[in-house]
Amino acid sequence: MTGLKQLRHALGWVLARFLKLLSWCYRFEYGDTWAVLKSTSSNSKVIITVWHEDLICAYLWALQALPEKFPAYIIISAHRDADLAIPALKDIGFSVFRGSSRKRGVSALLSFLKNAQDSLPLILVPDGPLGPPKKLKPQIKKLAKKLGAVIMHFSFTSRTVLRLPTWDRLKIPLPGSKIIVHREFVT
């Protein structure tokens, strides 16, 4: 590991611990979402999608709602910025594959298909890293059809968020916020 990669890994570890502590400052309202996810994932293959703008909310929710070491697969960007997320994602129990539609995507997908257990969910961010925001790429539906999987999309809303001036307008919920978790099946 190069010096910069080690630094990004260490910063990712610190960020994961900080977010874990911070996650208990939020109230999540999600109705039957967890029960639906649990019953669906045990009976069939599931692809979970989350918009890029919701990544922090999704991670904070996962820390509270998912059981310890929730087994799932996630494909994240091969860009070096995603190095920060790896320690946090592995800490939850996710198996991480690196790739995107522009860089190493085919190899990530092939690696996923080779290593994946049938019953575990696959988590994808269908609009990243270059956008356009909130647009599901057609490859996701093709993958779901090939795997015989259902697509379950999660989104998050809160009245008190800070939006970063990035292409995706990343949401950072203010501590003490109530975050509403929405889920829908994509056809």
N, C-alpha and C. Protein backbone atom coordinates (compact mmCIF):
# COMPACT_ATOMS: atom_id res chain seq x y z
N MET A 1 0.84 -1.17 0.00
CA MET A 1 0.00 0.00 0.00
C MET A 1 0.88 1.24 0.00
N THR A 2 0.57 2.18 -0.88
CA THR A 2 1.34 3.42 -0.91
C THR A 2 0.98 4.28 0.28
N GLY A 3 1.80 5.29 0.53
CA GLY A 3 1.58 6.18 1.66
C GLY A 3 0.23 6.89 1.60
N LEU A 4 -0.15 7.39 0.42
CA LEU A 4 -1.43 8.08 0.28
C LEU A 4 -2.60 7.12 0.47
N LYS A 5 -2.45 5.92 -0.04
CA LYS A 5 -3.53 4.93 0.11
C LYS A 5 -3.68 4.56 1.58
N GLN A 6 -2.57 4.41 2.30
CA GLN A 6 -2.64 4.12 3.72
C GLN A 6 -3.30 5.26 4.49
N LEU A 7 -2.99 6.50 4.10
CA LEU A 7 -3.58 7.66 4.74
C LEU A 7 -5.10 7.68 4.50
N ARG A 8 -5.52 7.43 3.26
CA ARG A 8 -6.96 7.39 2.95
C ARG A 8 -7.65 6.28 3.73
N HIS A 9 -6.99 5.13 3.86
CA HIS A 9 -7.55 4.02 4.64
C HIS A 9 -7.70 4.41 6.11
N ALA A 10 -6.66 5.05 6.66
CA ALA A 10 -6.72 5.48 8.07
C ALA A 10 -7.81 6.53 8.27
N LEU A 11 -7.92 7.48 7.36
CA LEU A 11 -8.97 8.49 7.45
C LEU A 11 -10.36 7.84 7.33
N GLY A 12 -10.47 6.84 6.48
CA GLY A 12 -11.73 6.11 6.34
C GLY A 12 -12.10 5.41 7.63
N TRP A 13 -11.12 4.83 8.31
CA TRP A 13 -11.37 4.15 9.58
C TRP A 13 -11.86 5.15 10.62
N VAL A 14 -11.20 6.32 10.70
CA VAL A 14 -11.60 7.36 11.65
C VAL A 14 -13.01 7.86 11.31
N LEU A 15 -13.28 8.08 10.04
CA LEU A 15 -14.60 8.53 9.59
C LEU A 15 -15.68 7.51 9.96
N ALA A 16 -15.38 6.23 9.78
CA ALA A 16 -16.34 5.18 10.13
C ALA A 16 -16.68 5.22 11.61
N ARG A 17 -15.68 5.38 12.46
CA ARG A 17 -15.92 5.43 13.91
C ARG A 17 -16.72 6.68 14.28
N PHE A 18 -16.39 7.80 13.64
CA PHE A 18 -17.11 9.05 13.91
C PHE A 18 -18.58 8.92 13.51
N LEU A 19 -18.84 8.37 12.32
CA LEU A 19 -20.22 8.22 11.86
C LEU A 19 -20.99 7.22 12.72
N LYS A 20 -20.29 6.20 13.22
CA LYS A 20 -20.95 5.23 14.09
C LYS A 20 -21.44 5.92 15.37
N LEU A 21 -20.63 6.76 15.95
CA LEU A 21 -21.04 7.51 17.13
C LEU A 21 -22.17 8.49 16.78
N LEU A 22 -22.01 9.19 15.66
CA LEU A 22 -22.97 10.20 15.24
C LEU A 22 -24.32 9.59 14.87
N SER A 23 -24.34 8.34 14.43
CA SER A 23 -25.58 7.73 13.95
C SER A 23 -26.67 7.70 15.01
N TRP A 24 -26.28 7.67 16.26
CA TRP A 24 -27.28 7.61 17.33
C TRP A 24 -27.90 8.97 17.63
N CYS A 25 -27.48 10.01 16.92
CA CYS A 25 -28.09 11.34 17.07
C CYS A 25 -29.30 11.52 16.15
N TYR A 26 -29.65 10.49 15.39
CA TYR A 26 -30.73 10.61 14.41
C TYR A 26 -31.89 9.70 14.77
N ARG A 27 -33.09 10.13 14.39
CA ARG A 27 -34.28 9.30 14.52
C ARG A 27 -34.71 8.89 13.12
N PHE A 28 -34.88 7.61 12.92
CA PHE A 28 -35.30 7.09 11.61
C PHE A 28 -36.73 6.60 11.69
N GLU A 29 -37.48 6.93 10.67
CA GLU A 29 -38.86 6.46 10.56
C GLU A 29 -38.93 5.66 9.26
N TYR A 30 -39.22 4.37 9.40
CA TYR A 30 -39.19 3.56 8.18
C TYR A 30 -40.27 2.50 8.12
N GLY A 31 -41.22 2.53 9.01
CA GLY A 31 -42.35 1.63 8.92
C GLY A 31 -41.93 0.18 8.74
N ASP A 32 -42.43 -0.45 7.69
CA ASP A 32 -42.18 -1.87 7.45
C ASP A 32 -40.95 -2.12 6.58
N THR A 33 -40.15 -1.11 6.33
CA THR A 33 -39.04 -1.24 5.40
C THR A 33 -38.10 -2.38 5.76
N TRP A 34 -37.69 -2.48 7.04
CA TRP A 34 -36.74 -3.52 7.42
C TRP A 34 -37.37 -4.89 7.28
N ALA A 35 -38.63 -5.04 7.70
CA ALA A 35 -39.31 -6.33 7.59
C ALA A 35 -39.42 -6.76 6.12
N VAL A 36 -39.73 -5.80 5.25
CA VAL A 36 -39.84 -6.11 3.81
C VAL A 36 -38.48 -6.54 3.26
N LEU A 37 -37.43 -5.81 3.62
CA LEU A 37 -36.09 -6.16 3.14
C LEU A 37 -35.70 -7.55 3.63
N LYS A 38 -35.94 -7.83 4.90
CA LYS A 38 -35.56 -9.12 5.47
C LYS A 38 -36.32 -10.27 4.79
N SER A 39 -37.63 -10.12 4.61
CA SER A 39 -38.41 -11.20 4.00
C SER A 39 -38.08 -11.35 2.53
N THR A 40 -37.85 -10.24 1.84
CA THR A 40 -37.53 -10.31 0.42
C THR A 40 -36.16 -10.94 0.21
N SER A 41 -35.18 -10.53 1.02
CA SER A 41 -33.82 -11.03 0.79
C SER A 41 -33.70 -12.51 1.16
N SER A 42 -34.56 -13.01 2.04
CA SER A 42 -34.45 -14.42 2.38
C SER A 42 -35.16 -15.30 1.35
N ASN A 43 -36.07 -14.73 0.59
CA ASN A 43 -36.84 -15.51 -0.38
C ASN A 43 -36.37 -15.36 -1.81
N SER A 44 -35.67 -14.29 -2.13
CA SER A 44 -35.25 -14.07 -3.51
C SER A 44 -34.03 -13.17 -3.54
N LYS A 45 -33.49 -13.04 -4.73
CA LYS A 45 -32.33 -12.18 -4.91
C LYS A 45 -32.80 -10.72 -4.95
N VAL A 46 -32.03 -9.86 -4.31
CA VAL A 46 -32.39 -8.46 -4.22
C VAL A 46 -31.22 -7.60 -4.64
N ILE A 47 -31.52 -6.59 -5.46
CA ILE A 47 -30.55 -5.53 -5.75
C ILE A 47 -31.10 -4.29 -5.06
N ILE A 48 -30.33 -3.76 -4.13
CA ILE A 48 -30.72 -2.55 -3.41
C ILE A 48 -30.03 -1.37 -4.08
N THR A 49 -30.81 -0.33 -4.41
CA THR A 49 -30.21 0.86 -5.00
C THR A 49 -30.45 2.06 -4.08
N VAL A 50 -29.48 2.96 -4.09
CA VAL A 50 -29.53 4.20 -3.30
C VAL A 50 -28.95 5.30 -4.18
N TRP A 51 -29.61 6.45 -4.23
CA TRP A 51 -29.05 7.57 -5.00
C TRP A 51 -27.78 8.08 -4.33
N HIS A 52 -26.90 8.63 -5.15
CA HIS A 52 -25.62 9.16 -4.67
C HIS A 52 -25.83 10.21 -3.58
N GLU A 53 -26.84 11.05 -3.73
CA GLU A 53 -27.08 12.12 -2.76
C GLU A 53 -27.45 11.58 -1.37
N ASP A 54 -27.90 10.33 -1.31
CA ASP A 54 -28.37 9.73 -0.06
C ASP A 54 -27.34 8.82 0.61
N LEU A 55 -26.11 8.81 0.15
CA LEU A 55 -25.14 7.85 0.68
C LEU A 55 -24.90 7.99 2.18
N ILE A 56 -24.78 9.20 2.67
CA ILE A 56 -24.52 9.38 4.11
C ILE A 56 -25.75 8.97 4.91
N CYS A 57 -26.94 9.39 4.47
CA CYS A 57 -28.18 8.97 5.17
C CYS A 57 -28.31 7.45 5.18
N ALA A 58 -28.03 6.83 4.05
CA ALA A 58 -28.15 5.37 3.96
C ALA A 58 -27.18 4.69 4.91
N TYR A 59 -25.96 5.19 4.99
CA TYR A 59 -24.97 4.59 5.88
C TYR A 59 -25.39 4.76 7.34
N LEU A 60 -25.86 5.96 7.71
CA LEU A 60 -26.30 6.20 9.08
C LEU A 60 -27.48 5.30 9.44
N TRP A 61 -28.40 5.13 8.49
CA TRP A 61 -29.55 4.24 8.71
C TRP A 61 -29.07 2.79 8.88
N ALA A 62 -28.15 2.38 8.02
CA ALA A 62 -27.64 1.00 8.10
C ALA A 62 -27.00 0.72 9.46
N LEU A 63 -26.31 1.70 10.01
CA LEU A 63 -25.69 1.52 11.32
C LEU A 63 -26.73 1.24 12.40
N GLN A 64 -27.89 1.87 12.30
CA GLN A 64 -28.93 1.68 13.32
C GLN A 64 -29.84 0.50 13.02
N ALA A 65 -30.23 0.34 11.76
CA ALA A 65 -31.31 -0.58 11.42
C ALA A 65 -30.87 -2.00 11.12
N LEU A 66 -29.69 -2.15 10.56
CA LEU A 66 -29.27 -3.48 10.14
C LEU A 66 -28.61 -4.22 11.30
N PRO A 67 -28.77 -5.53 11.32
CA PRO A 67 -28.11 -6.30 12.39
C PRO A 67 -26.60 -6.19 12.25
N GLU A 68 -25.93 -6.46 13.33
CA GLU A 68 -24.45 -6.43 13.33
C GLU A 68 -23.91 -7.31 12.21
N LYS A 69 -22.97 -6.79 11.48
CA LYS A 69 -22.32 -7.52 10.38
C LYS A 69 -23.33 -8.07 9.37
N PHE A 70 -24.15 -7.18 8.83
CA PHE A 70 -25.15 -7.54 7.82
C PHE A 70 -24.44 -7.99 6.56
N PRO A 71 -24.62 -9.23 6.14
CA PRO A 71 -23.91 -9.71 4.95
C PRO A 71 -24.58 -9.21 3.67
N ALA A 72 -23.83 -8.46 2.90
CA ALA A 72 -24.32 -7.97 1.61
C ALA A 72 -23.10 -7.67 0.74
N TYR A 73 -23.35 -7.54 -0.54
CA TYR A 73 -22.29 -7.16 -1.48
C TYR A 73 -22.57 -5.75 -1.94
N ILE A 74 -21.50 -4.99 -2.12
CA ILE A 74 -21.65 -3.63 -2.62
C ILE A 74 -20.57 -3.37 -3.67
N ILE A 75 -20.98 -2.76 -4.76
CA ILE A 75 -20.02 -2.35 -5.78
C ILE A 75 -19.89 -0.84 -5.65
N ILE A 76 -18.66 -0.37 -5.37
CA ILE A 76 -18.41 1.06 -5.24
C ILE A 76 -17.38 1.49 -6.27
N SER A 77 -17.28 2.77 -6.44
CA SER A 77 -16.41 3.36 -7.44
C SER A 77 -14.96 2.90 -7.28
N ALA A 78 -14.28 2.80 -8.41
CA ALA A 78 -12.85 2.47 -8.39
C ALA A 78 -12.00 3.72 -8.17
N HIS A 79 -12.63 4.88 -8.09
CA HIS A 79 -11.92 6.13 -7.88
C HIS A 79 -11.31 6.16 -6.48
N ARG A 80 -10.18 6.82 -6.36
CA ARG A 80 -9.47 6.83 -5.07
C ARG A 80 -10.28 7.48 -3.95
N ASP A 81 -11.22 8.37 -4.28
CA ASP A 81 -12.05 8.97 -3.24
C ASP A 81 -12.88 7.93 -2.50
N ALA A 82 -13.22 6.85 -3.17
CA ALA A 82 -14.03 5.80 -2.54
C ALA A 82 -13.22 5.00 -1.51
N ASP A 83 -11.90 5.16 -1.50
CA ASP A 83 -11.07 4.48 -0.50
C ASP A 83 -11.52 4.83 0.92
N LEU A 84 -12.04 6.05 1.10
CA LEU A 84 -12.50 6.47 2.42
C LEU A 84 -13.68 5.63 2.91
N ALA A 85 -14.48 5.15 1.99
CA ALA A 85 -15.70 4.42 2.36
C ALA A 85 -15.44 2.95 2.70
N ILE A 86 -14.36 2.38 2.21
CA ILE A 86 -14.15 0.94 2.36
C ILE A 86 -14.12 0.48 3.82
N PRO A 87 -13.36 1.12 4.72
CA PRO A 87 -13.37 0.65 6.11
C PRO A 87 -14.76 0.71 6.74
N ALA A 88 -15.52 1.75 6.42
CA ALA A 88 -16.87 1.89 6.97
C ALA A 88 -17.79 0.78 6.46
N LEU A 89 -17.70 0.48 5.17
CA LEU A 89 -18.56 -0.53 4.58
C LEU A 89 -18.21 -1.94 5.08
N LYS A 90 -16.93 -2.21 5.19
CA LYS A 90 -16.51 -3.52 5.71
C LYS A 90 -16.88 -3.68 7.17
N ASP A 91 -16.88 -2.58 7.91
CA ASP A 91 -17.24 -2.61 9.32
C ASP A 91 -18.69 -3.06 9.53
N ILE A 92 -19.58 -2.73 8.59
CA ILE A 92 -20.98 -3.16 8.66
C ILE A 92 -21.09 -4.63 8.29
N GLY A 93 -20.13 -5.14 7.53
CA GLY A 93 -20.19 -6.53 7.10
C GLY A 93 -20.31 -6.71 5.61
N PHE A 94 -20.25 -5.61 4.87
CA PHE A 94 -20.38 -5.68 3.41
C PHE A 94 -19.10 -6.21 2.77
N SER A 95 -19.26 -7.01 1.73
CA SER A 95 -18.14 -7.40 0.89
C SER A 95 -18.07 -6.38 -0.24
N VAL A 96 -16.91 -5.76 -0.41
CA VAL A 96 -16.77 -4.63 -1.33
C VAL A 96 -16.11 -5.07 -2.63
N PHE A 97 -16.74 -4.68 -3.73
CA PHE A 97 -16.17 -4.86 -5.07
C PHE A 97 -16.00 -3.47 -5.66
N ARG A 98 -14.86 -3.23 -6.34
CA ARG A 98 -14.56 -1.91 -6.87
C ARG A 98 -14.80 -1.86 -8.37
N GLY A 99 -15.53 -0.85 -8.82
CA GLY A 99 -15.76 -0.65 -10.24
C GLY A 99 -16.93 0.28 -10.46
N SER A 100 -16.99 0.88 -11.63
CA SER A 100 -18.10 1.76 -12.00
C SER A 100 -18.35 1.59 -13.49
N SER A 101 -19.33 2.33 -13.99
CA SER A 101 -19.65 2.20 -15.41
C SER A 101 -18.50 2.67 -16.30
N ARG A 102 -17.61 3.48 -15.76
CA ARG A 102 -16.50 4.00 -16.57
C ARG A 102 -15.15 3.35 -16.28
N LYS A 103 -15.01 2.73 -15.13
CA LYS A 103 -13.69 2.22 -14.75
C LYS A 103 -13.83 0.89 -14.00
N ARG A 104 -13.32 -0.17 -14.55
CA ARG A 104 -13.27 -1.50 -13.96
C ARG A 104 -14.65 -2.06 -13.60
N GLY A 105 -15.69 -1.57 -14.24
CA GLY A 105 -17.05 -2.02 -13.94
C GLY A 105 -17.29 -3.47 -14.31
N VAL A 106 -16.81 -3.87 -15.48
CA VAL A 106 -17.02 -5.25 -15.93
C VAL A 106 -16.29 -6.21 -15.01
N SER A 107 -15.04 -5.88 -14.64
CA SER A 107 -14.29 -6.79 -13.76
C SER A 107 -14.94 -6.86 -12.37
N ALA A 108 -15.48 -5.75 -11.87
CA ALA A 108 -16.17 -5.77 -10.58
C ALA A 108 -17.40 -6.66 -10.65
N LEU A 109 -18.14 -6.53 -11.73
CA LEU A 109 -19.36 -7.33 -11.87
C LEU A 109 -19.03 -8.81 -12.01
N LEU A 110 -18.01 -9.14 -12.79
CA LEU A 110 -17.60 -10.53 -12.94
C LEU A 110 -17.11 -11.11 -11.61
N SER A 111 -16.36 -10.31 -10.87
CA SER A 111 -15.89 -10.76 -9.56
C SER A 111 -17.06 -10.98 -8.61
N PHE A 112 -18.03 -10.07 -8.67
CA PHE A 112 -19.24 -10.23 -7.85
C PHE A 112 -19.96 -11.53 -8.22
N LEU A 113 -20.18 -11.75 -9.51
CA LEU A 113 -20.92 -12.93 -9.96
C LEU A 113 -20.19 -14.22 -9.58
N LYS A 114 -18.86 -14.18 -9.59
CA LYS A 114 -18.06 -15.35 -9.25
C LYS A 114 -18.12 -15.66 -7.74
N ASN A 115 -18.16 -14.62 -6.91
CA ASN A 115 -18.06 -14.79 -5.47
C ASN A 115 -19.38 -14.72 -4.71
N ALA A 116 -20.41 -14.21 -5.34
CA ALA A 116 -21.65 -13.93 -4.63
C ALA A 116 -22.40 -15.21 -4.25
N GLN A 117 -22.99 -15.17 -3.07
CA GLN A 117 -23.92 -16.22 -2.66
C GLN A 117 -25.30 -15.78 -3.14
N ASP A 118 -26.10 -16.71 -3.56
CA ASP A 118 -27.40 -16.39 -4.15
C ASP A 118 -28.29 -15.54 -3.27
N SER A 119 -28.29 -15.77 -1.98
CA SER A 119 -29.28 -15.13 -1.13
C SER A 119 -28.89 -13.74 -0.64
N LEU A 120 -27.64 -13.34 -0.83
CA LEU A 120 -27.22 -12.06 -0.27
C LEU A 120 -27.55 -10.90 -1.21
N PRO A 121 -27.99 -9.77 -0.64
CA PRO A 121 -28.32 -8.62 -1.49
C PRO A 121 -27.07 -7.97 -2.09
N LEU A 122 -27.28 -7.35 -3.24
CA LEU A 122 -26.25 -6.55 -3.90
C LEU A 122 -26.68 -5.11 -3.79
N ILE A 123 -25.78 -4.23 -3.36
CA ILE A 123 -26.10 -2.81 -3.20
C ILE A 123 -25.35 -2.03 -4.28
N LEU A 124 -26.10 -1.18 -4.98
CA LEU A 124 -25.53 -0.37 -6.06
C LEU A 124 -25.97 1.08 -5.92
N VAL A 125 -25.13 1.97 -6.40
CA VAL A 125 -25.46 3.39 -6.49
C VAL A 125 -25.61 3.68 -7.99
N PRO A 126 -26.84 3.67 -8.49
CA PRO A 126 -27.05 3.67 -9.94
C PRO A 126 -26.81 5.00 -10.65
N ASP A 127 -26.62 6.09 -9.91
CA ASP A 127 -26.43 7.37 -10.58
C ASP A 127 -25.04 7.95 -10.41
N GLY A 128 -24.12 7.23 -9.82
CA GLY A 128 -22.79 7.78 -9.59
C GLY A 128 -21.77 7.20 -10.53
N PRO A 129 -20.58 7.72 -10.58
CA PRO A 129 -20.11 8.91 -9.89
C PRO A 129 -20.22 10.17 -10.73
N LEU A 130 -20.62 10.07 -11.98
CA LEU A 130 -20.68 11.25 -12.84
C LEU A 130 -22.09 11.69 -13.19
N GLY A 131 -23.07 10.98 -12.71
CA GLY A 131 -24.44 11.39 -12.96
C GLY A 131 -24.98 10.83 -14.26
N PRO A 132 -26.07 11.33 -14.72
CA PRO A 132 -26.84 12.41 -14.11
C PRO A 132 -27.49 11.93 -12.81
N PRO A 133 -27.73 12.87 -11.87
CA PRO A 133 -28.30 12.47 -10.60
C PRO A 133 -29.72 11.92 -10.75
N LYS A 134 -30.02 10.94 -9.91
CA LYS A 134 -31.34 10.32 -9.80
C LYS A 134 -31.86 9.71 -11.10
N LYS A 135 -30.96 9.15 -11.89
CA LYS A 135 -31.36 8.44 -13.12
C LYS A 135 -30.84 7.02 -13.01
N LEU A 136 -31.78 6.06 -13.08
CA LEU A 136 -31.41 4.65 -13.03
C LEU A 136 -30.86 4.23 -14.39
N LYS A 137 -29.65 3.73 -14.39
CA LYS A 137 -29.04 3.29 -15.65
C LYS A 137 -29.67 1.98 -16.09
N PRO A 138 -29.89 1.81 -17.40
CA PRO A 138 -30.59 0.61 -17.89
C PRO A 138 -29.85 -0.70 -17.58
N GLN A 139 -28.54 -0.63 -17.37
CA GLN A 139 -27.77 -1.84 -17.07
C GLN A 139 -28.22 -2.49 -15.76
N ILE A 140 -28.75 -1.68 -14.83
CA ILE A 140 -29.20 -2.23 -13.55
C ILE A 140 -30.39 -3.16 -13.78
N LYS A 141 -31.32 -2.73 -14.62
CA LYS A 141 -32.49 -3.57 -14.91
C LYS A 141 -32.08 -4.84 -15.65
N LYS A 142 -31.10 -4.71 -16.56
CA LYS A 142 -30.60 -5.90 -17.28
C LYS A 142 -29.95 -6.87 -16.30
N LEU A 143 -29.16 -6.36 -15.36
CA LEU A 143 -28.51 -7.20 -14.36
C LEU A 143 -29.57 -7.92 -13.51
N ALA A 144 -30.60 -7.18 -13.09
CA ALA A 144 -31.66 -7.78 -12.27
C ALA A 144 -32.34 -8.91 -13.03
N LYS A 145 -32.59 -8.69 -14.31
CA LYS A 145 -33.24 -9.72 -15.11
C LYS A 145 -32.34 -10.96 -15.23
N LYS A 146 -31.04 -10.71 -15.45
CA LYS A 146 -30.09 -11.83 -15.58
C LYS A 146 -29.99 -12.63 -14.29
N LEU A 147 -30.02 -11.94 -13.14
CA LEU A 147 -29.91 -12.62 -11.85
C LEU A 147 -31.24 -13.14 -11.33
N GLY A 148 -32.34 -12.73 -11.96
CA GLY A 148 -33.66 -13.09 -11.46
C GLY A 148 -33.94 -12.38 -10.15
N ALA A 149 -33.48 -11.14 -10.04
CA ALA A 149 -33.58 -10.37 -8.79
C ALA A 149 -34.62 -9.27 -8.90
N VAL A 150 -35.11 -8.85 -7.74
CA VAL A 150 -35.96 -7.67 -7.67
C VAL A 150 -35.08 -6.48 -7.32
N ILE A 151 -35.47 -5.30 -7.80
CA ILE A 151 -34.74 -4.07 -7.47
C ILE A 151 -35.55 -3.33 -6.41
N MET A 152 -34.93 -3.09 -5.27
CA MET A 152 -35.56 -2.34 -4.19
C MET A 152 -34.78 -1.05 -4.02
N HIS A 153 -35.44 0.08 -4.27
CA HIS A 153 -34.77 1.38 -4.18
C HIS A 153 -35.08 2.04 -2.84
N PHE A 154 -34.05 2.57 -2.20
CA PHE A 154 -34.20 3.30 -0.95
C PHE A 154 -33.84 4.76 -1.17
N SER A 155 -34.65 5.65 -0.61
CA SER A 155 -34.32 7.08 -0.61
C SER A 155 -34.63 7.63 0.78
N PHE A 156 -34.08 8.79 1.07
CA PHE A 156 -34.15 9.35 2.42
C PHE A 156 -34.50 10.82 2.35
N THR A 157 -35.43 11.24 3.21
CA THR A 157 -35.78 12.66 3.28
C THR A 157 -35.68 13.13 4.72
N SER A 158 -35.35 14.40 4.86
CA SER A 158 -35.28 15.05 6.16
C SER A 158 -35.45 16.54 5.94
N ARG A 159 -36.07 17.19 6.89
CA ARG A 159 -36.26 18.64 6.77
C ARG A 159 -34.99 19.41 7.06
N THR A 160 -34.10 18.80 7.84
CA THR A 160 -32.91 19.52 8.27
C THR A 160 -31.65 18.85 7.71
N VAL A 161 -31.29 19.24 6.50
CA VAL A 161 -30.08 18.70 5.88
C VAL A 161 -29.22 19.84 5.35
N LEU A 162 -27.96 19.58 5.33
CA LEU A 162 -27.01 20.46 4.67
C LEU A 162 -26.72 19.82 3.32
N ARG A 163 -26.77 20.59 2.25
CA ARG A 163 -26.49 20.06 0.92
C ARG A 163 -25.14 20.59 0.46
N LEU A 164 -24.27 19.68 0.05
CA LEU A 164 -22.96 20.09 -0.44
C LEU A 164 -23.08 20.59 -1.88
N PRO A 165 -22.22 21.51 -2.28
CA PRO A 165 -22.27 22.04 -3.66
C PRO A 165 -21.54 21.11 -4.65
N THR A 166 -21.96 19.85 -4.67
CA THR A 166 -21.36 18.86 -5.56
C THR A 166 -22.38 18.49 -6.65
N TRP A 167 -21.97 17.72 -7.64
CA TRP A 167 -22.87 17.36 -8.74
C TRP A 167 -24.12 16.65 -8.25
N ASP A 168 -24.00 15.90 -7.15
CA ASP A 168 -25.13 15.12 -6.64
C ASP A 168 -25.89 15.84 -5.53
N ARG A 169 -25.37 17.00 -5.08
CA ARG A 169 -25.96 17.75 -3.96
C ARG A 169 -26.11 16.84 -2.74
N LEU A 170 -24.99 16.18 -2.37
CA LEU A 170 -24.94 15.23 -1.26
C LEU A 170 -25.61 15.81 -0.01
N LYS A 171 -26.48 15.01 0.61
CA LYS A 171 -27.21 15.42 1.81
C LYS A 171 -26.43 15.00 3.06
N ILE A 172 -26.27 15.95 3.96
CA ILE A 172 -25.72 15.65 5.28
C ILE A 172 -26.77 16.08 6.29
N PRO A 173 -27.43 15.12 6.93
CA PRO A 173 -28.47 15.47 7.90
C PRO A 173 -27.85 16.08 9.15
N LEU A 174 -28.49 17.12 9.66
CA LEU A 174 -28.00 17.75 10.88
C LEU A 174 -28.30 16.84 12.07
N PRO A 175 -27.40 16.78 13.06
CA PRO A 175 -27.65 15.93 14.23
C PRO A 175 -28.99 16.27 14.88
N GLY A 176 -29.68 15.23 15.33
CA GLY A 176 -31.00 15.40 15.93
C GLY A 176 -32.14 15.34 14.92
N SER A 177 -31.81 15.20 13.66
CA SER A 177 -32.83 15.17 12.61
C SER A 177 -33.62 13.88 12.62
N LYS A 178 -34.86 13.99 12.14
CA LYS A 178 -35.65 12.79 11.86
C LYS A 178 -35.48 12.52 10.36
N ILE A 179 -35.09 11.31 10.04
CA ILE A 179 -34.86 10.93 8.64
C ILE A 179 -35.90 9.88 8.27
N ILE A 180 -36.64 10.15 7.22
CA ILE A 180 -37.66 9.22 6.77
C ILE A 180 -37.08 8.36 5.66
N VAL A 181 -37.20 7.05 5.83
CA VAL A 181 -36.68 6.08 4.86
C VAL A 181 -37.83 5.66 3.96
N HIS A 182 -37.64 5.83 2.66
CA HIS A 182 -38.64 5.43 1.67
C HIS A 182 -38.10 4.24 0.89
N ARG A 183 -38.98 3.31 0.55
CA ARG A 183 -38.54 2.20 -0.29
C ARG A 183 -39.60 1.95 -1.35
N GLU A 184 -39.13 1.53 -2.51
CA GLU A 184 -40.04 1.17 -3.58
C GLU A 184 -39.39 0.09 -4.42
N PHE A 185 -40.25 -0.75 -5.01
CA PHE A 185 -39.75 -1.75 -5.93
C PHE A 185 -39.72 -1.15 -7.32
N VAL A 186 -38.61 -1.34 -8.04
CA VAL A 186 -38.45 -0.81 -9.39
C VAL A 186 -38.78 -1.90 -10.38
N THR A 187 -39.58 -1.57 -11.37
CA THR A 187 -39.94 -2.56 -12.39
C THR A 187 -39.37 -2.15 -13.73
